[in-house]
Amino acid sequence: MDNSLPSWSLFTLMAQPEQKFTSPTSLVVDAILVIGFFVFMFGVLQKHVPSNDPNMIMLWAGLTAACMSGVFWLAVQMFRVVLRAQREANRAKK
């Protein structure tokens, strides 16, 4: 079966990576880090919500911690990519 797009298409298919960069272990480590960061930020942010209603405090602290945890997850992924590139560059020099 041919997975290519027609020649007149504006989009082309991306090449598949030669090796997988994620493993079950790295996914578990990332999940633990992100969940831990969420719990930490939730605790910090509860003190900064300008409300006396406990439900509103939990809602806004949770929503804000979720957004910040998403950014943290992206930062962890970028760190992994840069670290991998640096290690491969050092191996190529040797």
C-alpha atoms as a PDB file:
ATOM      1  CA  MET A   1       0.000   0.000   0.000  1.00  0.00           C
ATOM      2  CA  ASP A   2       1.398   3.383  -1.010  1.00  0.00           C
ATOM      3  CA  ASN A   3       1.375   5.949   1.814  1.00  0.00           C
ATOM      4  CA  SER A   4       2.692   8.817  -0.284  1.00  0.00           C
ATOM      5  CA  LEU A   5       0.631  11.862  -1.116  1.00  0.00           C
ATOM      6  CA  PRO A   6      -0.128  12.921  -4.689  1.00  0.00           C
ATOM      7  CA  SER A   7       2.593  14.942  -6.411  1.00  0.00           C
ATOM      8  CA  TRP A   8       0.372  18.030  -6.467  1.00  0.00           C
ATOM      9  CA  SER A   9      -0.115  17.979  -2.684  1.00  0.00           C
ATOM     10  CA  LEU A  10       1.173  20.935  -0.655  1.00  0.00           C
ATOM     11  CA  PHE A  11       2.237  18.650   2.175  1.00  0.00           C
ATOM     12  CA  THR A  12       4.830  15.896   2.221  1.00  0.00           C
ATOM     13  CA  LEU A  13       5.116  13.014   4.629  1.00  0.00           C
ATOM     14  CA  MET A  14       7.851  13.199   7.232  1.00  0.00           C
ATOM     15  CA  ALA A  15      10.536  10.549   7.356  1.00  0.00           C
ATOM     16  CA  GLN A  16      10.180   8.077  10.194  1.00  0.00           C
ATOM     17  CA  PRO A  17      12.930   8.217  12.861  1.00  0.00           C
ATOM     18  CA  GLU A  18      15.581   5.517  12.713  1.00  0.00           C
ATOM     19  CA  GLN A  19      15.371   4.860  16.441  1.00  0.00           C
ATOM     20  CA  LYS A  20      12.830   5.467  19.161  1.00  0.00           C
ATOM     21  CA  PHE A  21      13.767   8.111  21.690  1.00  0.00           C
ATOM     22  CA  THR A  22      11.221   7.236  24.348  1.00  0.00           C
ATOM     23  CA  SER A  23      11.137   4.188  26.537  1.00  0.00           C
ATOM     24  CA  PRO A  24       8.634   3.061  29.152  1.00  0.00           C
ATOM     25  CA  THR A  25      11.140   4.040  31.842  1.00  0.00           C
ATOM     26  CA  SER A  26      11.548   7.577  30.520  1.00  0.00           C
ATOM     27  CA  LEU A  27       7.775   7.977  30.296  1.00  0.00           C
ATOM     28  CA  VAL A  28       7.353   6.874  33.925  1.00  0.00           C
ATOM     29  CA  VAL A  29      10.133   9.230  35.074  1.00  0.00           C
ATOM     30  CA  ASP A  30       8.546  12.125  33.155  1.00  0.00           C
ATOM     31  CA  ALA A  31       5.109  11.343  34.606  1.00  0.00           C
ATOM     32  CA  ILE A  32       6.479  11.274  38.159  1.00  0.00           C
ATOM     33  CA  LEU A  33       8.314  14.567  37.626  1.00  0.00           C
ATOM     34  CA  VAL A  34       5.260  16.302  36.147  1.00  0.00           C
ATOM     35  CA  ILE A  35       2.888  14.992  38.834  1.00  0.00           C
ATOM     36  CA  GLY A  36       5.324  16.063  41.543  1.00  0.00           C
ATOM     37  CA  PHE A  37       5.647  19.500  39.964  1.00  0.00           C
ATOM     38  CA  PHE A  38       1.853  19.796  39.770  1.00  0.00           C
ATOM     39  CA  VAL A  39       1.432  18.924  43.450  1.00  0.00           C
ATOM     40  CA  PHE A  40       4.167  21.377  44.448  1.00  0.00           C
ATOM     41  CA  MET A  41       2.749  24.224  42.334  1.00  0.00           C
ATOM     42  CA  PHE A  42      -0.808  23.509  43.510  1.00  0.00           C
ATOM     43  CA  GLY A  43       0.330  23.931  47.104  1.00  0.00           C
ATOM     44  CA  VAL A  44       2.182  27.149  46.326  1.00  0.00           C
ATOM     45  CA  LEU A  45      -0.596  28.624  44.201  1.00  0.00           C
ATOM     46  CA  GLN A  46      -3.375  28.002  46.746  1.00  0.00           C
ATOM     47  CA  LYS A  47      -1.947  30.814  48.862  1.00  0.00           C
ATOM     48  CA  HIS A  48      -2.067  33.261  45.945  1.00  0.00           C
ATOM     49  CA  VAL A  49      -5.684  32.858  44.780  1.00  0.00           C
ATOM     50  CA  PRO A  50      -7.596  36.027  45.778  1.00  0.00           C
ATOM     51  CA  SER A  51     -10.699  34.303  47.136  1.00  0.00           C
ATOM     52  CA  ASN A  52     -12.121  33.033  50.401  1.00  0.00           C
ATOM     53  CA  ASP A  53     -14.185  30.285  48.750  1.00  0.00           C
ATOM     54  CA  PRO A  54     -12.314  26.947  49.080  1.00  0.00           C
ATOM     55  CA  ASN A  55     -13.842  25.635  45.846  1.00  0.00           C
ATOM     56  CA  MET A  56     -12.602  28.644  43.869  1.00  0.00           C
ATOM     57  CA  ILE A  57      -9.177  28.377  45.456  1.00  0.00           C
ATOM     58  CA  MET A  58      -8.918  24.713  44.448  1.00  0.00           C
ATOM     59  CA  LEU A  59     -10.269  25.412  40.949  1.00  0.00           C
ATOM     60  CA  TRP A  60      -7.929  28.260  40.065  1.00  0.00           C
ATOM     61  CA  ALA A  61      -4.895  26.770  41.775  1.00  0.00           C
ATOM     62  CA  GLY A  62      -5.524  23.492  39.920  1.00  0.00           C
ATOM     63  CA  LEU A  63      -6.047  25.131  36.539  1.00  0.00           C
ATOM     64  CA  THR A  64      -2.951  27.282  36.927  1.00  0.00           C
ATOM     65  CA  ALA A  65      -0.841  24.379  38.169  1.00  0.00           C
ATOM     66  CA  ALA A  66      -2.038  22.305  35.196  1.00  0.00           C
ATOM     67  CA  CYS A  67      -0.919  24.965  32.710  1.00  0.00           C
ATOM     68  CA  MET A  68       2.416  25.362  34.449  1.00  0.00           C
ATOM     69  CA  SER A  69       2.870  21.584  34.539  1.00  0.00           C
ATOM     70  CA  GLY A  70       2.338  21.469  30.775  1.00  0.00           C
ATOM     71  CA  VAL A  71       5.101  24.022  30.312  1.00  0.00           C
ATOM     72  CA  PHE A  72       7.292  22.035  32.708  1.00  0.00           C
ATOM     73  CA  TRP A  73       6.687  18.882  30.639  1.00  0.00           C
ATOM     74  CA  LEU A  74       7.758  20.746  27.486  1.00  0.00           C
ATOM     75  CA  ALA A  75      10.891  21.975  29.262  1.00  0.00           C
ATOM     76  CA  VAL A  76      11.760  18.411  30.345  1.00  0.00           C
ATOM     77  CA  GLN A  77      11.337  17.191  26.763  1.00  0.00           C
ATOM     78  CA  MET A  78      13.548  19.991  25.402  1.00  0.00           C
ATOM     79  CA  PHE A  79      16.163  19.188  28.054  1.00  0.00           C
ATOM     80  CA  ARG A  80      16.174  15.541  26.958  1.00  0.00           C
ATOM     81  CA  VAL A  81      16.621  16.499  23.289  1.00  0.00           C
ATOM     82  CA  VAL A  82      19.501  18.888  24.024  1.00  0.00           C
ATOM     83  CA  LEU A  83      21.194  16.404  26.347  1.00  0.00           C
ATOM     84  CA  ARG A  84      20.915  13.654  23.715  1.00  0.00           C
ATOM     85  CA  ALA A  85      22.358  15.946  21.019  1.00  0.00           C
ATOM     86  CA  GLN A  86      25.275  16.946  23.251  1.00  0.00           C
ATOM     87  CA  ARG A  87      26.063  13.327  24.084  1.00  0.00           C
ATOM     88  CA  GLU A  88      25.973  12.347  20.413  1.00  0.00           C
ATOM     89  CA  ALA A  89      28.229  15.300  19.515  1.00  0.00           C
ATOM     90  CA  ASN A  90      30.731  14.226  22.184  1.00  0.00           C
ATOM     91  CA  ARG A  91      30.688  10.649  20.865  1.00  0.00           C
ATOM     92  CA  ALA A  92      31.331  11.893  17.333  1.00  0.00           C
ATOM     93  CA  LYS A  93      34.404  13.839  18.503  1.00  0.00           C
ATOM     94  CA  LYS A  94      35.991  10.780  20.115  1.00  0.00           C
END
